[in-house]
């Protein structure tokens, strides 16, 4: 950041800006619009704390940071269970500053009884996933290791993912609601996809800890997202923005709705921030 940019940035409060990745920054096909990339760069250069807040694993988050040219600051991964500080000087390019884990065995045992054919992935922090069978190519965006069930549930984890590629989302959600998971946090995705996290952990809870770490006032918080795992983050922010491609239930908790990811709705939000 130039001296002129730093001086200008002190003329207004620096916001903490939490940004979902898939369906917000990137299309669900993985494409990044150039106007979105440029708007993220402009807001970061203006001194705001641009922070990726994603359900992706740490391993799958790092390529996004590189794609966006983010070389400093923080990122929230695994739906809030992991917060890292970007540090290009380290071998892997980051340092983990917050990590929350849980015992996945009770929840996965219930899910296995209800959905015996489901694919299950347990995150190995900074490595990839242990799985009971391989997920469709590209869905986890990280290395997978097939292991026996007992090994799958033997270690504490930051996040667990359950997937039924051939199931209808409504049918899948009905199964999850019937199970009644307890002592964990979970969010159903836009397909037959379920993420499970430690109880009380969300993108919103992680961003609140980061807000305090950075000394940002609650009124200077912004969040943009498009899915059910973004609800807590949108409710946490003073300005919660849902993407135009978000489900109605997500739009209902937001303060405003922007354009869809295909039309660069995020860029419009970012360019409304002071700089």
Protein backbone atom coordinates (compact mmCIF):
# COMPACT_ATOMS: atom_id res chain seq x y z
CA UNK A 1 0.00 0.00 0.00
CA UNK A 2 1.36 3.41 -0.95
CA UNK A 3 1.89 6.26 1.53
CA UNK A 4 -0.92 8.19 -0.17
CA UNK A 5 -3.31 5.24 0.22
CA UNK A 6 -2.40 4.80 3.88
CA UNK A 7 -2.99 8.48 4.56
CA UNK A 8 -6.34 8.43 2.80
CA UNK A 9 -7.40 5.30 4.69
CA UNK A 10 -7.14 7.10 8.03
CA UNK A 11 -9.87 9.55 6.97
CA UNK A 12 -12.61 6.94 7.53
CA UNK A 13 -13.02 3.80 9.68
CA UNK A 14 -11.50 0.61 8.33
CA UNK A 15 -14.22 -2.02 7.94
CA UNK A 16 -13.95 -5.75 8.47
CA UNK A 17 -15.38 -7.21 5.26
CA UNK A 18 -16.25 -10.93 5.38
CA UNK A 19 -16.67 -12.50 1.94
CA UNK A 20 -17.99 -15.94 1.10
CA UNK A 21 -16.22 -17.64 -1.82
CA UNK A 22 -18.36 -20.05 -3.83
CA UNK A 23 -21.44 -18.32 -5.20
CA UNK A 24 -20.19 -14.92 -4.03
CA UNK A 25 -16.60 -14.32 -5.20
CA UNK A 26 -16.50 -17.30 -7.57
CA UNK A 27 -19.31 -18.72 -9.65
CA UNK A 28 -20.28 -22.30 -8.84
CA UNK A 29 -18.24 -23.20 -11.91
CA UNK A 30 -15.16 -21.67 -10.26
CA UNK A 31 -14.92 -18.58 -12.47
CA UNK A 32 -13.76 -15.18 -11.17
CA UNK A 33 -15.00 -12.03 -12.89
CA UNK A 34 -12.31 -9.43 -13.45
CA UNK A 35 -14.48 -6.64 -12.01
CA UNK A 36 -14.87 -8.64 -8.79
CA UNK A 37 -11.13 -9.25 -8.54
CA UNK A 38 -10.45 -5.54 -9.13
CA UNK A 39 -13.03 -4.43 -6.55
CA UNK A 40 -11.53 -6.71 -3.89
CA UNK A 41 -8.09 -5.30 -4.63
CA UNK A 42 -9.36 -1.70 -4.46
CA UNK A 43 -11.06 -2.22 -1.09
CA UNK A 44 -7.99 -3.94 0.37
CA UNK A 45 -5.72 -1.17 -0.92
CA UNK A 46 -8.02 1.38 0.71
CA UNK A 47 -7.18 -0.16 4.10
CA UNK A 48 -10.27 -2.29 4.78
CA UNK A 49 -9.78 -5.77 6.28
CA UNK A 50 -10.93 -7.97 3.39
CA UNK A 51 -11.38 -11.44 4.88
CA UNK A 52 -12.36 -14.61 3.04
CA UNK A 53 -14.98 -16.49 5.10
CA UNK A 54 -15.63 -19.85 3.51
CA UNK A 55 -16.80 -23.38 4.11
CA UNK A 56 -13.77 -24.56 2.15
CA UNK A 57 -10.95 -26.34 3.91
CA UNK A 58 -7.69 -24.54 4.57
CA UNK A 59 -6.06 -26.40 1.67
CA UNK A 60 -8.84 -25.35 -0.72
CA UNK A 61 -8.80 -21.74 0.54
CA UNK A 62 -5.16 -20.99 -0.22
CA UNK A 63 -5.56 -21.15 -4.03
CA UNK A 64 -8.40 -18.61 -3.77
CA UNK A 65 -6.19 -16.21 -1.83
CA UNK A 66 -3.50 -16.58 -4.48
CA UNK A 67 -6.04 -16.06 -7.26
CA UNK A 68 -7.16 -12.82 -5.61
CA UNK A 69 -3.61 -11.64 -4.92
CA UNK A 70 -4.19 -11.50 -1.15
CA UNK A 71 -0.79 -11.63 0.59
CA UNK A 72 -1.65 -10.29 4.05
CA UNK A 73 -4.51 -10.24 6.54
CA UNK A 74 -6.69 -13.13 7.65
CA UNK A 75 -9.00 -15.81 6.28
CA UNK A 76 -11.75 -17.86 7.93
CA UNK A 77 -12.02 -21.47 6.71
CA UNK A 78 -14.09 -24.59 7.46
CA UNK A 79 -17.22 -22.53 8.22
CA UNK A 80 -15.50 -20.73 11.09
CA UNK A 81 -13.60 -23.59 12.73
CA UNK A 82 -10.23 -22.32 11.43
CA UNK A 83 -8.83 -18.79 11.17
CA UNK A 84 -5.46 -18.23 9.56
CA UNK A 85 -3.15 -15.27 9.12
CA UNK A 86 -1.72 -14.97 5.62
CA UNK A 87 2.09 -15.02 5.84
CA UNK A 88 4.02 -15.48 2.57
CA UNK A 89 7.22 -15.81 4.59
CA UNK A 90 6.13 -19.17 5.98
CA UNK A 91 6.61 -22.41 4.07
CA UNK A 92 2.87 -22.97 3.53
CA UNK A 93 2.00 -19.28 3.33
CA UNK A 94 -0.06 -19.03 6.52
CA UNK A 95 -0.17 -19.35 10.30
CA UNK A 96 -3.21 -20.80 12.09
CA UNK A 97 -4.37 -18.38 14.79
CA UNK A 98 -7.67 -20.04 15.85
CA UNK A 99 -8.80 -23.68 15.65
CA UNK A 100 -11.88 -25.37 17.13
CA UNK A 101 -12.38 -29.15 16.98
CA UNK A 102 -15.05 -31.67 17.99
CA UNK A 103 -15.57 -35.44 18.25
CA UNK A 104 -17.35 -36.44 15.01
CA UNK A 105 -18.28 -39.97 16.10
CA UNK A 106 -21.74 -39.31 17.68
CA UNK A 107 -23.07 -37.24 14.77
CA UNK A 108 -21.61 -39.50 12.10
CA UNK A 109 -23.01 -42.61 13.78
CA UNK A 110 -26.52 -41.11 13.64
CA UNK A 111 -26.05 -40.04 10.04
CA UNK A 112 -24.69 -43.44 8.99
CA UNK A 113 -27.77 -45.16 10.43
CA UNK A 114 -30.14 -42.80 8.57
CA UNK A 115 -28.13 -42.43 5.34
CA UNK A 116 -25.95 -45.55 4.98
CA UNK A 117 -25.02 -44.74 1.38
CA UNK A 118 -23.76 -41.22 2.03
CA UNK A 119 -20.24 -40.06 1.29
CA UNK A 120 -18.42 -38.78 4.38
CA UNK A 121 -15.31 -36.59 4.58
CA UNK A 122 -13.46 -35.64 7.77
CA UNK A 123 -11.08 -32.73 7.38
CA UNK A 124 -7.36 -33.21 8.04
CA UNK A 125 -6.29 -29.68 8.78
CA UNK A 126 -3.76 -28.41 6.27
CA UNK A 127 -3.65 -31.77 4.47
CA UNK A 128 -7.00 -32.72 2.95
CA UNK A 129 -9.72 -35.19 3.94
CA UNK A 130 -10.17 -38.73 5.19
CA UNK A 131 -13.20 -40.19 3.38
CA UNK A 132 -15.25 -43.40 3.40
CA UNK A 133 -15.33 -43.26 -0.44
CA UNK A 134 -14.10 -40.77 -3.00
CA UNK A 135 -16.19 -37.64 -3.56
CA UNK A 136 -16.94 -36.51 -7.14
CA UNK A 137 -13.93 -34.86 -8.73
CA UNK A 138 -13.43 -31.21 -7.74
CA UNK A 139 -16.03 -31.10 -4.95
CA UNK A 140 -13.62 -31.09 -2.02
CA UNK A 141 -10.80 -29.34 -3.91
CA UNK A 142 -8.27 -31.11 -1.68
CA UNK A 143 -6.54 -34.52 -1.46
CA UNK A 144 -8.69 -37.44 -0.29
CA UNK A 145 -7.61 -40.60 1.56
CA UNK A 146 -10.08 -43.51 1.76
CA UNK A 147 -9.96 -45.10 5.24
CA UNK A 148 -12.05 -47.61 7.25
CA UNK A 149 -15.00 -46.23 9.21
CA UNK A 150 -13.36 -46.68 12.61
CA UNK A 151 -10.39 -44.61 11.49
CA UNK A 152 -12.69 -42.00 9.97
CA UNK A 153 -14.32 -41.25 13.33
CA UNK A 154 -11.29 -41.83 15.56
CA UNK A 155 -9.91 -38.27 15.66
CA UNK A 156 -11.24 -34.86 16.59
CA UNK A 157 -11.99 -32.70 13.56
CA UNK A 158 -12.64 -29.10 12.56
CA UNK A 159 -15.29 -30.01 9.99
CA UNK A 160 -17.15 -33.01 8.60
CA UNK A 161 -18.93 -33.11 5.24
CA UNK A 162 -21.67 -35.51 4.22
CA UNK A 163 -22.77 -35.78 0.58
CA UNK A 164 -25.33 -37.74 -1.44
CA UNK A 165 -24.65 -36.91 -5.11
CA UNK A 166 -27.79 -38.62 -6.43
CA UNK A 167 -30.27 -37.35 -3.81
CA UNK A 168 -32.75 -34.51 -4.25
CA UNK A 169 -31.90 -31.59 -1.92
CA UNK A 170 -35.41 -31.51 -0.38
CA UNK A 171 -35.33 -35.24 0.33
CA UNK A 172 -31.86 -34.94 1.80
CA UNK A 173 -32.88 -32.05 4.05
CA UNK A 174 -35.86 -34.04 5.33
CA UNK A 175 -33.49 -36.82 6.40
CA UNK A 176 -31.25 -34.36 8.24
CA UNK A 177 -34.18 -32.73 10.04
CA UNK A 178 -35.49 -36.14 11.08
CA UNK A 179 -32.15 -37.09 12.65
CA UNK A 180 -32.08 -34.01 14.91
CA UNK A 181 -28.35 -33.47 15.34
CA UNK A 182 -27.26 -32.11 18.74
CA UNK A 183 -24.05 -30.63 20.18
CA UNK A 184 -22.79 -29.63 16.73
CA UNK A 185 -23.43 -26.79 14.27
CA UNK A 186 -24.49 -27.74 10.78
CA UNK A 187 -25.63 -26.20 7.51
CA UNK A 188 -27.25 -27.83 4.48
CA UNK A 189 -25.85 -26.65 1.15
CA UNK A 190 -27.51 -25.85 -2.17
CA UNK A 191 -27.24 -29.51 -3.19
CA UNK A 192 -27.51 -32.67 -1.06
CA UNK A 193 -24.53 -31.51 1.01
CA UNK A 194 -24.16 -31.18 4.78
CA UNK A 195 -21.32 -29.47 6.69
CA UNK A 196 -20.94 -30.23 10.41
CA UNK A 197 -18.86 -28.06 12.74
CA UNK A 198 -18.19 -27.76 16.47
CA UNK A 199 -21.21 -26.50 18.41
CA UNK A 200 -21.56 -22.71 18.32
CA UNK A 201 -19.01 -22.31 15.53
CA UNK A 202 -19.91 -20.41 12.37
CA UNK A 203 -18.42 -17.88 10.00
CA UNK A 204 -20.08 -15.23 12.17
CA UNK A 205 -18.50 -16.46 15.41
CA UNK A 206 -15.04 -16.55 13.82
CA UNK A 207 -15.42 -13.07 12.33
CA UNK A 208 -16.47 -11.69 15.72
CA UNK A 209 -13.26 -12.99 17.29
CA UNK A 210 -11.32 -11.47 14.41
CA UNK A 211 -13.15 -8.15 14.79
CA UNK A 212 -12.00 -7.95 18.38
CA UNK A 213 -8.46 -8.93 17.44
CA UNK A 214 -8.33 -6.15 14.84
CA UNK A 215 -10.07 -3.54 16.99
CA UNK A 216 -12.83 -2.88 14.45
CA UNK A 217 -16.05 -1.34 15.77
CA UNK A 218 -19.21 -3.49 15.39
CA UNK A 219 -20.79 -0.79 13.23
CA UNK A 220 -17.92 -1.13 10.73
CA UNK A 221 -18.61 -4.74 9.72
CA UNK A 222 -19.79 -5.97 6.32
CA UNK A 223 -20.55 -9.51 5.15
CA UNK A 224 -21.60 -10.86 1.77
CA UNK A 225 -22.77 -14.43 1.11
CA UNK A 226 -25.21 -16.63 -0.73
CA UNK A 227 -25.94 -19.80 1.22
CA UNK A 228 -27.31 -21.20 4.48
CA UNK A 229 -23.84 -21.41 6.02
CA UNK A 230 -23.65 -17.62 5.57
CA UNK A 231 -26.75 -16.84 7.65
CA UNK A 232 -24.92 -16.29 10.95
CA UNK A 233 -22.33 -14.13 9.19
CA UNK A 234 -25.01 -11.94 7.58
CA UNK A 235 -26.77 -11.57 10.95
CA UNK A 236 -23.47 -10.72 12.67
CA UNK A 237 -22.53 -7.90 10.30
CA UNK A 238 -23.81 -4.36 10.65
CA UNK A 239 -24.35 -4.59 6.89
CA UNK A 240 -25.25 -8.10 5.79
CA UNK A 241 -25.66 -8.50 2.03
CA UNK A 242 -27.15 -11.53 0.28
CA UNK A 243 -26.25 -12.33 -3.30
CA UNK A 244 -29.02 -12.29 -5.88
CA UNK A 245 -28.53 -16.04 -6.38
CA UNK A 246 -29.13 -16.77 -2.68
CA UNK A 247 -32.18 -18.79 -1.53
CA UNK A 248 -35.11 -16.73 -0.23
CA UNK A 249 -34.42 -17.80 3.37
CA UNK A 250 -30.92 -16.30 3.14
CA UNK A 251 -32.17 -13.10 1.54
CA UNK A 252 -34.71 -12.79 4.36
CA UNK A 253 -32.01 -12.40 7.05
CA UNK A 254 -29.90 -9.93 5.05
CA UNK A 255 -30.06 -6.14 5.26
CA UNK A 256 -29.93 -5.89 1.49
CA UNK A 257 -29.67 -7.98 -1.67
CA UNK A 258 -27.19 -7.34 -4.47
CA UNK A 259 -26.91 -8.79 -7.98
CA UNK A 260 -26.11 -12.40 -8.72
CA UNK A 261 -22.59 -13.83 -8.82
CA UNK A 262 -22.85 -14.20 -12.59
CA UNK A 263 -23.45 -10.44 -12.87
CA UNK A 264 -20.73 -9.36 -10.43
CA UNK A 265 -23.07 -8.44 -7.59
CA UNK A 266 -20.17 -8.47 -5.11
CA UNK A 267 -18.28 -5.77 -7.03
CA UNK A 268 -21.21 -3.37 -6.62
CA UNK A 269 -21.21 -3.87 -2.84
CA UNK A 270 -17.46 -3.41 -2.49
CA UNK A 271 -17.40 -0.27 -4.60
CA UNK A 272 -19.94 1.32 -2.26
CA UNK A 273 -17.41 1.19 0.62
CA UNK A 274 -15.43 4.38 1.40
CA UNK A 275 -11.96 4.62 -0.10
